Amino acid sequence: MQEHRYDVVIVGAGGAGMRAAIEAGPRARTAVLTKLYPTRSHTGAAQGGMCAALANVEEDNWEWHTFDTVKGGDYLADQDAVEIMAKEAIDAVLDLEKMGLPFNRTPEGKIDQRRFGGHTRDHGKALVRRSCYAADRT
């Protein structure tokens, strides 16, 4: 039997797995285990988008994003982790833009955002467009 040695083994080639591979690849011997071709993952096929409080289309902020995520998870999510995710989502989306992800654009050239279930502003007082998207894909 042939033996392989890696510093990092990533299981799954969806969005999170591929982003982990991009980060780990230059720094460590990395393997990605997947049952599908990466672009066939749910991330590539899903509609909706990635949530980030860019506020490109209307007022939004990471605190409201955090509130919506915690509430949407019936208050079962680790609230510290959700806060980190909501804060870092903005830079994560901008990193994907720099890598060439073809986000839809506003007439001003900014990443467009659309409404998606559970996205609100001012702690549930109004709907907000928070989902960053590329055509009808995530």
N, C-alpha and C. Protein backbone atom coordinates (compact mmCIF):
# COMPACT_ATOMS: atom_id res chain seq x y z
N MET A 1 0.84 -1.17 0.00
CA MET A 1 0.00 0.00 0.00
C MET A 1 0.89 1.24 0.00
N GLN A 2 0.52 2.20 -0.80
CA GLN A 2 1.26 3.45 -0.87
C GLN A 2 0.85 4.36 0.28
N GLU A 3 1.84 5.02 0.87
CA GLU A 3 1.58 5.92 2.00
C GLU A 3 1.74 7.37 1.54
N HIS A 4 0.82 8.21 1.97
CA HIS A 4 0.87 9.64 1.67
C HIS A 4 0.94 10.41 2.98
N ARG A 5 1.73 11.46 3.02
CA ARG A 5 1.85 12.29 4.23
C ARG A 5 1.52 13.74 3.88
N TYR A 6 0.64 14.31 4.67
CA TYR A 6 0.22 15.70 4.47
C TYR A 6 0.20 16.42 5.81
N ASP A 7 0.37 17.73 5.75
CA ASP A 7 0.23 18.56 6.94
C ASP A 7 -1.23 18.90 7.18
N VAL A 8 -1.99 19.06 6.09
CA VAL A 8 -3.40 19.44 6.16
C VAL A 8 -4.19 18.53 5.24
N VAL A 9 -5.28 17.97 5.74
CA VAL A 9 -6.21 17.19 4.93
C VAL A 9 -7.57 17.87 5.04
N ILE A 10 -8.10 18.29 3.91
CA ILE A 10 -9.40 18.96 3.86
C ILE A 10 -10.40 17.99 3.28
N VAL A 11 -11.48 17.76 4.01
CA VAL A 11 -12.53 16.85 3.56
C VAL A 11 -13.68 17.68 3.01
N GLY A 12 -13.90 17.58 1.71
CA GLY A 12 -14.96 18.33 1.06
C GLY A 12 -14.40 19.46 0.22
N ALA A 13 -14.99 19.65 -0.95
CA ALA A 13 -14.51 20.68 -1.87
C ALA A 13 -15.60 21.69 -2.19
N GLY A 14 -16.46 21.95 -1.20
CA GLY A 14 -17.43 23.03 -1.34
C GLY A 14 -16.72 24.35 -1.13
N GLY A 15 -17.47 25.39 -0.92
CA GLY A 15 -16.88 26.72 -0.75
C GLY A 15 -15.90 26.78 0.40
N ALA A 16 -16.27 26.24 1.55
CA ALA A 16 -15.38 26.29 2.72
C ALA A 16 -14.13 25.44 2.50
N GLY A 17 -14.30 24.26 1.92
CA GLY A 17 -13.15 23.40 1.67
C GLY A 17 -12.18 24.01 0.68
N MET A 18 -12.70 24.59 -0.39
CA MET A 18 -11.82 25.19 -1.38
C MET A 18 -11.13 26.44 -0.83
N ARG A 19 -11.85 27.21 -0.01
CA ARG A 19 -11.22 28.40 0.59
C ARG A 19 -10.11 27.97 1.55
N ALA A 20 -10.34 26.89 2.31
CA ALA A 20 -9.31 26.36 3.20
C ALA A 20 -8.10 25.90 2.40
N ALA A 21 -8.33 25.27 1.25
CA ALA A 21 -7.23 24.80 0.41
C ALA A 21 -6.42 25.97 -0.14
N ILE A 22 -7.10 27.03 -0.54
CA ILE A 22 -6.39 28.22 -1.03
C ILE A 22 -5.49 28.79 0.05
N GLU A 23 -5.98 28.81 1.28
CA GLU A 23 -5.21 29.36 2.40
C GLU A 23 -4.06 28.44 2.80
N ALA A 24 -4.32 27.14 2.88
CA ALA A 24 -3.31 26.19 3.37
C ALA A 24 -2.28 25.81 2.30
N GLY A 25 -2.71 25.76 1.05
CA GLY A 25 -1.85 25.28 -0.02
C GLY A 25 -0.45 25.86 -0.07
N PRO A 26 -0.28 27.17 -0.03
CA PRO A 26 1.07 27.73 -0.11
C PRO A 26 1.92 27.50 1.14
N ARG A 27 1.29 27.13 2.24
CA ARG A 27 2.00 27.04 3.52
C ARG A 27 2.29 25.61 3.97
N ALA A 28 1.56 24.65 3.41
CA ALA A 28 1.67 23.28 3.94
C ALA A 28 1.34 22.28 2.84
N ARG A 29 1.83 21.05 3.04
CA ARG A 29 1.46 19.96 2.13
C ARG A 29 -0.01 19.66 2.37
N THR A 30 -0.82 19.90 1.34
CA THR A 30 -2.27 19.89 1.51
C THR A 30 -2.92 18.89 0.56
N ALA A 31 -3.89 18.15 1.09
CA ALA A 31 -4.70 17.24 0.27
C ALA A 31 -6.17 17.62 0.44
N VAL A 32 -6.93 17.54 -0.65
CA VAL A 32 -8.36 17.76 -0.60
C VAL A 32 -9.04 16.45 -1.00
N LEU A 33 -9.87 15.93 -0.12
CA LEU A 33 -10.63 14.71 -0.39
C LEU A 33 -12.06 15.12 -0.72
N THR A 34 -12.53 14.70 -1.89
CA THR A 34 -13.87 15.08 -2.30
C THR A 34 -14.50 13.97 -3.13
N LYS A 35 -15.80 13.84 -3.03
CA LYS A 35 -16.50 12.85 -3.85
C LYS A 35 -16.95 13.44 -5.18
N LEU A 36 -16.90 14.77 -5.29
CA LEU A 36 -17.34 15.46 -6.49
C LEU A 36 -16.25 16.39 -7.02
N TYR A 37 -16.37 16.73 -8.28
CA TYR A 37 -15.52 17.78 -8.84
C TYR A 37 -15.88 19.07 -8.11
N PRO A 38 -14.90 19.90 -7.72
CA PRO A 38 -15.21 21.07 -6.88
C PRO A 38 -16.35 21.95 -7.36
N THR A 39 -16.45 22.21 -8.65
CA THR A 39 -17.53 23.09 -9.11
C THR A 39 -18.89 22.40 -9.11
N ARG A 40 -18.93 21.13 -8.77
CA ARG A 40 -20.20 20.40 -8.67
C ARG A 40 -20.75 20.39 -7.25
N SER A 41 -20.07 21.04 -6.34
CA SER A 41 -20.50 21.05 -4.94
C SER A 41 -21.80 21.84 -4.79
N HIS A 42 -22.41 21.72 -3.63
CA HIS A 42 -23.63 22.46 -3.36
C HIS A 42 -23.39 23.97 -3.46
N THR A 43 -22.22 24.42 -3.01
CA THR A 43 -21.93 25.85 -3.06
C THR A 43 -22.04 26.38 -4.48
N GLY A 44 -21.54 25.65 -5.44
CA GLY A 44 -21.59 26.09 -6.83
C GLY A 44 -22.97 26.01 -7.44
N ALA A 45 -23.81 25.14 -6.90
CA ALA A 45 -25.14 24.94 -7.47
C ALA A 45 -26.23 25.71 -6.74
N ALA A 46 -25.96 26.12 -5.51
CA ALA A 46 -26.98 26.77 -4.69
C ALA A 46 -27.30 28.17 -5.21
N GLN A 47 -28.52 28.57 -4.99
CA GLN A 47 -28.93 29.93 -5.30
C GLN A 47 -29.03 30.71 -4.00
N GLY A 48 -28.89 31.99 -4.07
CA GLY A 48 -29.02 32.81 -2.88
C GLY A 48 -27.87 33.77 -2.76
N GLY A 49 -26.72 33.27 -2.42
CA GLY A 49 -25.55 34.11 -2.30
C GLY A 49 -24.85 33.94 -0.97
N MET A 50 -23.88 34.80 -0.75
CA MET A 50 -23.10 34.81 0.50
C MET A 50 -23.48 36.07 1.26
N CYS A 51 -23.75 35.91 2.52
CA CYS A 51 -24.19 37.05 3.33
C CYS A 51 -23.00 37.83 3.86
N ALA A 52 -23.02 39.12 3.64
CA ALA A 52 -22.01 40.02 4.19
C ALA A 52 -22.61 41.42 4.22
N ALA A 53 -22.44 42.10 5.32
CA ALA A 53 -23.03 43.43 5.50
C ALA A 53 -22.17 44.49 4.83
N LEU A 54 -22.06 44.40 3.50
CA LEU A 54 -21.26 45.37 2.74
C LEU A 54 -21.89 46.75 2.72
N ALA A 55 -23.22 46.80 2.82
CA ALA A 55 -23.96 48.06 2.73
C ALA A 55 -23.74 48.75 1.39
N ASN A 56 -23.61 47.97 0.33
CA ASN A 56 -23.43 48.53 -1.01
C ASN A 56 -24.72 49.06 -1.60
N VAL A 57 -25.85 48.51 -1.16
CA VAL A 57 -27.14 48.86 -1.75
C VAL A 57 -27.99 49.66 -0.78
N GLU A 58 -27.91 49.33 0.49
CA GLU A 58 -28.64 50.04 1.53
C GLU A 58 -27.93 49.87 2.87
N GLU A 59 -28.32 50.65 3.84
CA GLU A 59 -27.66 50.63 5.14
C GLU A 59 -27.67 49.22 5.74
N ASP A 60 -26.51 48.81 6.28
CA ASP A 60 -26.37 47.50 6.91
C ASP A 60 -25.11 47.53 7.76
N ASN A 61 -24.99 46.61 8.70
CA ASN A 61 -23.76 46.50 9.49
C ASN A 61 -23.65 45.10 10.08
N TRP A 62 -22.45 44.77 10.54
CA TRP A 62 -22.18 43.42 11.04
C TRP A 62 -22.99 43.10 12.29
N GLU A 63 -23.36 44.10 13.10
CA GLU A 63 -24.16 43.82 14.30
C GLU A 63 -25.54 43.28 13.92
N TRP A 64 -26.16 43.87 12.90
CA TRP A 64 -27.46 43.39 12.45
C TRP A 64 -27.34 42.00 11.84
N HIS A 65 -26.25 41.78 11.11
CA HIS A 65 -26.00 40.45 10.54
C HIS A 65 -25.87 39.42 11.66
N THR A 66 -25.13 39.77 12.72
CA THR A 66 -24.98 38.88 13.87
C THR A 66 -26.34 38.58 14.49
N PHE A 67 -27.14 39.60 14.73
CA PHE A 67 -28.46 39.42 15.32
C PHE A 67 -29.30 38.46 14.49
N ASP A 68 -29.36 38.68 13.18
CA ASP A 68 -30.17 37.83 12.31
C ASP A 68 -29.70 36.38 12.34
N THR A 69 -28.40 36.17 12.37
CA THR A 69 -27.85 34.81 12.37
C THR A 69 -28.16 34.10 13.68
N VAL A 70 -27.97 34.79 14.79
CA VAL A 70 -28.27 34.19 16.10
C VAL A 70 -29.76 33.88 16.20
N LYS A 71 -30.60 34.83 15.82
CA LYS A 71 -32.05 34.62 15.87
C LYS A 71 -32.47 33.50 14.93
N GLY A 72 -31.91 33.50 13.72
CA GLY A 72 -32.24 32.46 12.74
C GLY A 72 -31.85 31.07 13.19
N GLY A 73 -30.88 30.98 14.09
CA GLY A 73 -30.46 29.70 14.65
C GLY A 73 -31.13 29.38 15.97
N ASP A 74 -32.26 30.04 16.24
CA ASP A 74 -33.02 29.83 17.49
C ASP A 74 -32.15 30.01 18.72
N TYR A 75 -31.19 30.91 18.64
CA TYR A 75 -30.30 31.25 19.76
C TYR A 75 -29.44 30.07 20.22
N LEU A 76 -29.27 29.07 19.35
CA LEU A 76 -28.46 27.90 19.68
C LEU A 76 -27.02 28.05 19.21
N ALA A 77 -26.76 28.97 18.30
CA ALA A 77 -25.41 29.16 17.75
C ALA A 77 -24.49 29.77 18.80
N ASP A 78 -23.22 29.46 18.69
CA ASP A 78 -22.20 30.08 19.54
C ASP A 78 -22.13 31.56 19.14
N GLN A 79 -22.61 32.43 20.01
CA GLN A 79 -22.75 33.84 19.65
C GLN A 79 -21.42 34.54 19.42
N ASP A 80 -20.37 34.12 20.12
CA ASP A 80 -19.05 34.70 19.86
C ASP A 80 -18.57 34.33 18.46
N ALA A 81 -18.79 33.07 18.07
CA ALA A 81 -18.39 32.62 16.73
C ALA A 81 -19.20 33.33 15.65
N VAL A 82 -20.49 33.52 15.89
CA VAL A 82 -21.34 34.22 14.92
C VAL A 82 -20.87 35.66 14.75
N GLU A 83 -20.50 36.31 15.84
CA GLU A 83 -20.00 37.69 15.75
C GLU A 83 -18.74 37.76 14.90
N ILE A 84 -17.82 36.83 15.12
CA ILE A 84 -16.59 36.79 14.32
C ILE A 84 -16.93 36.58 12.85
N MET A 85 -17.84 35.62 12.57
CA MET A 85 -18.24 35.34 11.20
C MET A 85 -18.82 36.58 10.53
N ALA A 86 -19.72 37.28 11.23
CA ALA A 86 -20.36 38.46 10.64
C ALA A 86 -19.35 39.57 10.38
N LYS A 87 -18.41 39.75 11.29
CA LYS A 87 -17.37 40.78 11.10
C LYS A 87 -16.46 40.42 9.93
N GLU A 88 -16.04 39.15 9.86
CA GLU A 88 -15.07 38.72 8.85
C GLU A 88 -15.69 38.46 7.48
N ALA A 89 -17.01 38.35 7.42
CA ALA A 89 -17.69 38.08 6.15
C ALA A 89 -17.40 39.17 5.12
N ILE A 90 -17.31 40.39 5.57
CA ILE A 90 -17.08 41.51 4.65
C ILE A 90 -15.74 41.33 3.93
N ASP A 91 -14.67 41.12 4.69
CA ASP A 91 -13.35 40.92 4.06
C ASP A 91 -13.30 39.63 3.25
N ALA A 92 -14.02 38.60 3.69
CA ALA A 92 -14.03 37.33 2.95
C ALA A 92 -14.63 37.53 1.56
N VAL A 93 -15.72 38.27 1.48
CA VAL A 93 -16.34 38.54 0.17
C VAL A 93 -15.41 39.40 -0.69
N LEU A 94 -14.79 40.40 -0.09
CA LEU A 94 -13.85 41.24 -0.85
C LEU A 94 -12.64 40.44 -1.33
N ASP A 95 -12.18 39.47 -0.53
CA ASP A 95 -11.10 38.59 -0.97
C ASP A 95 -11.53 37.78 -2.19
N LEU A 96 -12.75 37.24 -2.17
CA LEU A 96 -13.26 36.48 -3.32
C LEU A 96 -13.36 37.37 -4.56
N GLU A 97 -13.74 38.62 -4.36
CA GLU A 97 -13.80 39.56 -5.48
C GLU A 97 -12.40 39.74 -6.08
N LYS A 98 -11.39 39.89 -5.22
CA LYS A 98 -10.01 40.06 -5.70
C LYS A 98 -9.51 38.82 -6.43
N MET A 99 -10.03 37.65 -6.06
CA MET A 99 -9.64 36.40 -6.72
C MET A 99 -10.35 36.23 -8.06
N GLY A 100 -11.31 37.10 -8.35
CA GLY A 100 -11.97 37.05 -9.64
C GLY A 100 -13.38 36.51 -9.65
N LEU A 101 -13.99 36.30 -8.50
CA LEU A 101 -15.37 35.81 -8.49
C LEU A 101 -16.25 36.86 -9.18
N PRO A 102 -17.03 36.45 -10.18
CA PRO A 102 -17.78 37.41 -10.98
C PRO A 102 -19.11 37.82 -10.34
N PHE A 103 -19.03 38.56 -9.24
CA PHE A 103 -20.24 39.03 -8.57
C PHE A 103 -21.05 39.92 -9.51
N ASN A 104 -22.36 39.89 -9.36
CA ASN A 104 -23.20 40.87 -10.04
C ASN A 104 -22.85 42.25 -9.49
N ARG A 105 -23.07 43.27 -10.31
CA ARG A 105 -22.65 44.63 -9.97
C ARG A 105 -23.83 45.61 -9.99
N THR A 106 -23.70 46.63 -9.14
CA THR A 106 -24.64 47.75 -9.19
C THR A 106 -24.25 48.63 -10.37
N PRO A 107 -25.10 49.58 -10.77
CA PRO A 107 -24.71 50.50 -11.84
C PRO A 107 -23.43 51.28 -11.52
N GLU A 108 -23.11 51.43 -10.22
CA GLU A 108 -21.89 52.13 -9.81
C GLU A 108 -20.67 51.22 -9.81
N GLY A 109 -20.85 49.92 -10.09
CA GLY A 109 -19.74 48.99 -10.14
C GLY A 109 -19.44 48.26 -8.84
N LYS A 110 -20.24 48.48 -7.81
CA LYS A 110 -20.05 47.78 -6.54
C LYS A 110 -20.69 46.40 -6.61
N ILE A 111 -20.31 45.51 -5.70
CA ILE A 111 -20.95 44.20 -5.61
C ILE A 111 -22.42 44.42 -5.30
N ASP A 112 -23.30 43.85 -6.12
CA ASP A 112 -24.74 43.99 -5.88
C ASP A 112 -25.16 43.06 -4.74
N GLN A 113 -26.24 43.40 -4.10
CA GLN A 113 -26.77 42.58 -3.01
C GLN A 113 -28.27 42.48 -3.17
N ARG A 114 -28.81 41.31 -2.77
CA ARG A 114 -30.25 41.11 -2.86
C ARG A 114 -30.79 40.60 -1.53
N ARG A 115 -32.09 40.66 -1.42
CA ARG A 115 -32.73 40.16 -0.20
C ARG A 115 -32.72 38.64 -0.19
N PHE A 116 -32.64 38.11 1.00
CA PHE A 116 -32.74 36.67 1.20
C PHE A 116 -33.34 36.47 2.59
N GLY A 117 -34.01 35.38 2.80
CA GLY A 117 -34.75 35.15 4.04
C GLY A 117 -33.99 35.46 5.31
N GLY A 118 -34.62 36.21 6.19
CA GLY A 118 -34.06 36.48 7.50
C GLY A 118 -33.09 37.64 7.58
N HIS A 119 -32.85 38.32 6.48
CA HIS A 119 -31.93 39.47 6.50
C HIS A 119 -32.71 40.73 6.85
N THR A 120 -32.35 41.34 7.98
CA THR A 120 -33.05 42.55 8.41
C THR A 120 -32.06 43.62 8.84
N ARG A 121 -32.57 44.82 8.96
CA ARG A 121 -31.77 45.91 9.52
C ARG A 121 -32.43 46.38 10.80
N ASP A 122 -31.62 46.99 11.64
CA ASP A 122 -32.09 47.55 12.91
C ASP A 122 -32.82 46.50 13.75
N HIS A 123 -32.20 45.33 13.83
CA HIS A 123 -32.68 44.24 14.69
C HIS A 123 -34.12 43.83 14.37
N GLY A 124 -34.37 43.62 13.08
CA GLY A 124 -35.65 43.08 12.65
C GLY A 124 -36.70 44.09 12.24
N LYS A 125 -36.37 45.36 12.21
CA LYS A 125 -37.38 46.39 11.92
C LYS A 125 -37.69 46.55 10.44
N ALA A 126 -36.78 46.15 9.56
CA ALA A 126 -37.00 46.27 8.12
C ALA A 126 -36.13 45.24 7.40
N LEU A 127 -36.53 44.88 6.20
CA LEU A 127 -35.74 43.96 5.40
C LEU A 127 -34.52 44.68 4.83
N VAL A 128 -33.45 43.91 4.58
CA VAL A 128 -32.23 44.50 4.03
C VAL A 128 -31.67 43.57 2.96
N ARG A 129 -30.99 44.15 1.99
CA ARG A 129 -30.33 43.38 0.93
C ARG A 129 -28.90 43.11 1.38
N ARG A 130 -28.62 41.85 1.76
CA ARG A 130 -27.31 41.49 2.33
C ARG A 130 -26.62 40.38 1.53
N SER A 131 -27.32 39.70 0.68
CA SER A 131 -26.77 38.55 -0.03
C SER A 131 -25.99 38.99 -1.26
N CYS A 132 -24.69 38.67 -1.29
CA CYS A 132 -23.82 38.95 -2.44
C CYS A 132 -23.91 37.74 -3.37
N TYR A 133 -24.04 37.95 -4.66
CA TYR A 133 -24.33 36.83 -5.55
C TYR A 133 -23.67 37.00 -6.91
N ALA A 134 -23.61 35.89 -7.62
CA ALA A 134 -23.10 35.87 -8.99
C ALA A 134 -24.17 35.19 -9.85
N ALA A 135 -24.93 35.98 -10.56
CA ALA A 135 -26.05 35.50 -11.37
C ALA A 135 -27.02 34.72 -10.49
N ASP A 136 -27.34 33.48 -10.87
CA ASP A 136 -28.27 32.70 -10.04
C ASP A 136 -27.52 31.65 -9.23
N ARG A 137 -26.26 31.92 -8.93
CA ARG A 137 -25.43 30.99 -8.17
C ARG A 137 -24.99 31.66 -6.87
N THR A 138 -24.49 30.84 -5.95
CA THR A 138 -23.98 31.38 -4.69
C THR A 138 -22.64 32.00 -4.87
